[in-house]
Amino acid sequence: EKKSHKVFSDKVKLFKLPIFRGMLAFIDSMVIGIKVLNFSASFFEEEEEKKEVSEKTNALLMVLAVVASLAISISLFMVLPVLISNLFSRWIESIFLLSLMEGILRLFIFIGYIVLASQMKEIKRVFMYHGAEHKTINCLENGFELTLENVKWQTKAHKRCGTSFMLLVMLISLVFFVILRPETLALRILSRILLVPVIAGISYEFIRLAGRNESKIVDILSRPGLWMQALTTKEPDDDMIEVAIASVDTVF
């Protein structure tokens, strides 16, 4: 299936500016991701079980799915670490230490989530396709013809990966919340929620920079994300590579 995609920033120029474009990309990629997951899942339904859904209903379900995804993500990765670290406030008086503990907990929760998800059979398969995508993009960006043999020997690591982006969100939030540390629990939770778009925007700018910069400093800063990709990308089979080649070839 081939569709054109209209970017919201074409209508609202504010979202073409640094930081703001990252906020939009964060939401945009989530919307596209849910759409293609639904498209993929539709092939598992029996023909007689398929029901016609109106465009308005479909759009409403999409909005609800995005809102639910955001709510679960923010609760799990932003609010939960605050609540857990606050349990230690009886013994630790320093807000700085509590904020540092919160940031470390956030990292562990994120990595644990990825490790647990990677054990699922279906997700392992998704991660193989993820590896095929990276290999194909690397083949193209390294100037080679998109053939099965050329793609197979490419690396499955890529600096502009969503995994690196999410890990950066966790790391940058650690720095942000160690510096900005409200006294009360309610304000701490509120600040974590409100600053998610800003942190996402900053993380996006670094990913863009890393993708076109070969300096040693950027390379060192990119390594944690590349190491994390070892969990979210797996070696694909030939059929998966062929799917990735067809997809990338269509886009370009």
Protein backbone atom coordinates (compact mmCIF):
# COMPACT_ATOMS: atom_id res chain seq x y z
CA GLU A 1 0.00 0.00 0.00
CA LYS A 2 1.32 3.44 -0.95
CA LYS A 3 -0.02 6.71 0.44
CA SER A 4 1.10 10.34 0.48
CA HIS A 5 1.65 11.97 3.87
CA LYS A 6 0.79 15.60 4.60
CA VAL A 7 2.94 17.17 7.29
CA PHE A 8 1.14 19.48 9.74
CA SER A 9 4.09 21.91 9.66
CA ASP A 10 3.12 22.84 6.09
CA LYS A 11 0.04 24.50 7.59
CA VAL A 12 1.54 25.80 10.83
CA LYS A 13 5.02 27.20 10.16
CA LEU A 14 5.86 27.27 13.90
CA PHE A 15 6.47 23.52 13.70
CA LYS A 16 9.27 23.99 11.19
CA LEU A 17 11.38 25.74 13.85
CA PRO A 18 13.98 23.90 16.01
CA ILE A 19 12.54 22.18 19.11
CA PHE A 20 8.96 22.66 17.82
CA ARG A 21 9.62 20.40 14.81
CA GLY A 22 10.76 17.70 17.25
CA MET A 23 7.51 18.01 19.21
CA LEU A 24 5.55 17.51 15.99
CA ALA A 25 7.75 14.61 14.85
CA PHE A 26 7.16 12.86 18.19
CA ILE A 27 3.36 12.94 17.76
CA ASP A 28 3.48 12.42 13.98
CA SER A 29 5.57 9.26 14.22
CA MET A 30 3.21 7.88 16.87
CA VAL A 31 0.18 8.49 14.63
CA ILE A 32 1.87 6.88 11.61
CA GLY A 33 3.09 3.99 13.77
CA ILE A 34 -0.39 3.20 15.09
CA LYS A 35 -1.85 3.43 11.56
CA VAL A 36 0.61 0.93 10.10
CA LEU A 37 0.28 -1.42 13.08
CA ASN A 38 -3.50 -1.42 12.54
CA PHE A 39 -2.94 -2.03 8.82
CA SER A 40 -0.64 -4.96 9.63
CA ALA A 41 -3.06 -6.40 12.22
CA SER A 42 -5.95 -6.26 9.72
CA PHE A 43 -4.40 -9.15 7.77
CA PHE A 44 -4.88 -11.47 10.75
CA GLU A 45 -8.64 -11.00 10.79
CA GLU A 46 -10.81 -13.54 9.02
CA GLU A 47 -12.53 -12.09 5.96
CA GLU A 48 -15.99 -12.83 7.34
CA GLU A 49 -15.13 -11.10 10.61
CA LYS A 50 -14.07 -7.87 8.96
CA LYS A 51 -16.53 -5.02 9.46
CA GLU A 52 -16.83 -1.80 7.59
CA VAL A 53 -15.81 1.14 9.76
CA SER A 54 -16.67 4.70 8.79
CA GLU A 55 -13.85 7.21 8.30
CA LYS A 56 -15.11 9.31 11.24
CA THR A 57 -15.12 6.29 13.57
CA ASN A 58 -11.68 5.28 12.34
CA ALA A 59 -10.33 8.80 12.95
CA LEU A 60 -11.85 8.85 16.45
CA LEU A 61 -10.30 5.48 17.29
CA MET A 62 -6.94 6.75 16.04
CA VAL A 63 -7.12 9.84 18.27
CA LEU A 64 -8.09 7.68 21.27
CA ALA A 65 -5.21 5.28 20.54
CA VAL A 66 -2.68 8.13 20.38
CA VAL A 67 -4.03 9.74 23.58
CA ALA A 68 -3.99 6.37 25.38
CA SER A 69 -0.44 5.65 24.16
CA LEU A 70 0.77 9.04 25.38
CA ALA A 71 -0.98 8.65 28.74
CA ILE A 72 0.50 5.17 29.33
CA SER A 73 4.00 6.25 28.21
CA ILE A 74 4.03 9.39 30.37
CA SER A 75 2.62 7.49 33.37
CA LEU A 76 5.14 4.66 33.05
CA PHE A 77 8.29 6.58 32.17
CA MET A 78 7.73 10.01 33.72
CA VAL A 79 5.27 9.77 36.64
CA LEU A 80 6.08 6.28 38.05
CA PRO A 81 9.80 7.07 38.73
CA VAL A 82 8.73 10.20 40.66
CA LEU A 83 6.32 8.21 42.83
CA ILE A 84 8.86 5.45 43.52
CA SER A 85 11.67 7.90 44.38
CA ASN A 86 9.27 9.83 46.65
CA LEU A 87 8.90 6.70 48.82
CA PHE A 88 12.52 7.27 49.89
CA SER A 89 11.90 10.88 50.96
CA ARG A 90 11.56 9.68 54.58
CA TRP A 91 15.23 8.74 54.60
CA ILE A 92 16.65 11.08 51.92
CA GLU A 93 16.10 14.79 52.51
CA SER A 94 18.09 16.06 49.52
CA ILE A 95 15.82 16.91 46.54
CA PHE A 96 18.93 16.62 44.34
CA LEU A 97 19.53 12.98 45.37
CA LEU A 98 15.84 12.14 44.99
CA SER A 99 15.83 13.66 41.48
CA LEU A 100 18.98 11.73 40.57
CA MET A 101 17.43 8.50 41.88
CA GLU A 102 14.30 9.28 39.85
CA GLY A 103 16.35 9.69 36.66
CA ILE A 104 18.22 6.42 37.21
CA LEU A 105 14.92 4.62 37.93
CA ARG A 106 13.50 6.04 34.70
CA LEU A 107 16.42 4.60 32.74
CA PHE A 108 16.04 1.18 34.38
CA ILE A 109 12.27 1.12 33.74
CA PHE A 110 12.81 2.04 30.07
CA ILE A 111 15.56 -0.56 29.51
CA GLY A 112 13.55 -3.19 31.43
CA TYR A 113 10.51 -2.44 29.28
CA ILE A 114 12.52 -2.93 26.07
CA VAL A 115 14.13 -6.15 27.37
CA LEU A 116 10.75 -7.64 28.34
CA ALA A 117 9.11 -6.58 25.05
CA SER A 118 11.97 -8.13 23.05
CA GLN A 119 11.12 -11.56 24.53
CA MET A 120 7.73 -11.60 22.79
CA LYS A 121 7.66 -13.67 19.61
CA GLU A 122 5.76 -11.03 17.61
CA ILE A 123 8.03 -8.20 18.79
CA LYS A 124 11.15 -10.20 17.90
CA ARG A 125 9.78 -10.35 14.37
CA VAL A 126 9.11 -6.59 14.38
CA PHE A 127 12.70 -6.02 15.54
CA MET A 128 13.96 -8.14 12.62
CA TYR A 129 12.08 -5.84 10.23
CA HIS A 130 13.60 -2.91 12.14
CA GLY A 131 17.05 -4.37 11.41
CA ALA A 132 16.13 -4.75 7.73
CA GLU A 133 15.04 -1.09 7.62
CA HIS A 134 18.35 0.13 9.09
CA LYS A 135 20.45 -2.05 6.80
CA THR A 136 18.57 -0.80 3.74
CA ILE A 137 18.86 2.88 4.73
CA ASN A 138 22.58 2.40 5.46
CA CYS A 139 23.06 0.76 2.06
CA LEU A 140 21.40 3.72 0.33
CA GLU A 141 23.27 6.36 2.37
CA ASN A 142 26.59 4.60 1.77
CA GLY A 143 26.04 4.92 -1.98
CA PHE A 144 25.39 1.28 -2.88
CA GLU A 145 22.71 -0.10 -5.18
CA LEU A 146 19.70 -1.48 -3.29
CA THR A 147 20.18 -5.21 -3.85
CA LEU A 148 19.76 -8.10 -1.44
CA GLU A 149 23.50 -8.86 -1.38
CA ASN A 150 24.50 -5.21 -0.82
CA VAL A 151 22.01 -4.75 2.01
CA LYS A 152 22.88 -7.99 3.85
CA TRP A 153 26.39 -6.90 4.87
CA GLN A 154 25.38 -3.42 6.08
CA THR A 155 25.28 -2.62 9.81
CA LYS A 156 21.89 -2.65 11.56
CA ALA A 157 22.88 0.36 13.71
CA HIS A 158 21.81 3.86 12.70
CA LYS A 159 22.25 7.21 14.48
CA ARG A 160 18.82 8.55 13.51
CA CYS A 161 16.90 5.67 15.10
CA GLY A 162 13.78 6.02 17.24
CA THR A 163 15.43 3.86 19.91
CA SER A 164 18.26 6.39 20.22
CA PHE A 165 15.66 9.15 20.34
CA MET A 166 13.76 7.52 23.23
CA LEU A 167 16.95 6.84 25.19
CA LEU A 168 17.96 10.48 24.70
CA VAL A 169 14.58 11.55 26.10
CA MET A 170 15.37 9.52 29.24
CA LEU A 171 18.92 10.90 29.56
CA ILE A 172 18.00 14.54 28.87
CA SER A 173 15.07 14.30 31.29
CA LEU A 174 17.55 13.13 33.96
CA VAL A 175 19.62 16.30 33.46
CA PHE A 176 16.53 18.55 33.26
CA PHE A 177 14.92 17.26 36.42
CA VAL A 178 18.12 17.28 38.46
CA ILE A 179 18.42 21.00 37.65
CA LEU A 180 14.68 21.82 37.90
CA ARG A 181 13.51 20.21 41.13
CA PRO A 182 10.29 21.60 42.66
CA GLU A 183 9.84 21.00 46.38
CA THR A 184 6.36 19.38 46.41
CA LEU A 185 5.42 16.02 44.90
CA ALA A 186 2.47 17.50 42.95
CA LEU A 187 4.70 20.11 41.27
CA ARG A 188 7.34 17.50 40.49
CA ILE A 189 4.77 15.30 38.73
CA LEU A 190 3.27 18.28 36.87
CA SER A 191 6.69 19.48 35.69
CA ARG A 192 7.51 16.01 34.34
CA ILE A 193 4.32 15.92 32.29
CA LEU A 194 4.53 19.51 30.97
CA LEU A 195 8.20 19.26 29.98
CA VAL A 196 7.82 16.06 27.90
CA PRO A 197 7.28 18.01 24.61
CA VAL A 198 10.32 20.25 25.30
CA ILE A 199 12.57 17.28 26.10
CA ALA A 200 11.32 15.46 22.99
CA GLY A 201 12.09 18.56 20.90
CA ILE A 202 15.66 18.83 22.24
CA SER A 203 16.25 15.08 21.74
CA TYR A 204 15.04 15.36 18.14
CA GLU A 205 17.51 18.18 17.42
CA PHE A 206 20.40 16.06 18.69
CA ILE A 207 19.30 13.08 16.55
CA ARG A 208 19.24 15.36 13.49
CA LEU A 209 22.71 16.67 14.33
CA ALA A 210 24.09 13.16 14.93
CA GLY A 211 22.75 11.99 11.58
CA ARG A 212 24.82 14.49 9.61
CA ASN A 213 27.81 15.05 11.92
CA GLU A 214 30.86 12.80 12.11
CA SER A 215 32.70 14.58 14.96
CA LYS A 216 34.22 12.51 17.79
CA ILE A 217 32.09 14.22 20.46
CA VAL A 218 28.81 13.51 18.63
CA ASP A 219 29.99 9.95 17.97
CA ILE A 220 30.66 9.37 21.69
CA LEU A 221 27.31 10.89 22.68
CA SER A 222 25.53 8.70 20.10
CA ARG A 223 27.00 5.43 21.37
CA PRO A 224 24.50 4.70 24.20
CA GLY A 225 21.67 4.88 21.64
CA LEU A 226 23.57 2.60 19.24
CA TRP A 227 24.19 0.11 22.06
CA MET A 228 20.48 0.20 22.91
CA GLN A 229 19.66 -0.66 19.29
CA ALA A 230 21.21 -4.08 19.90
CA LEU A 231 17.94 -4.83 21.74
CA THR A 232 15.52 -3.31 19.21
CA THR A 233 17.12 -4.48 15.95
CA LYS A 234 17.74 -8.11 14.99
CA GLU A 235 19.31 -9.71 11.94
CA PRO A 236 16.55 -10.03 9.31
CA ASP A 237 15.93 -12.87 6.90
CA ASP A 238 16.10 -12.35 3.12
CA ASP A 239 12.32 -11.88 2.73
CA MET A 240 12.36 -9.07 5.27
CA ILE A 241 15.22 -7.34 3.48
CA GLU A 242 13.27 -7.55 0.22
CA VAL A 243 10.28 -5.89 1.94
CA ALA A 244 12.57 -3.13 3.25
CA ILE A 245 14.13 -2.58 -0.19
CA ALA A 246 10.68 -2.32 -1.82
CA SER A 247 9.55 0.15 0.88
CA VAL A 248 12.64 2.38 0.75
CA ASP A 249 12.72 2.26 -3.06
CA THR A 250 9.06 3.40 -3.17
CA VAL A 251 9.71 6.29 -0.79
CA PHE A 252 12.67 7.60 -2.79
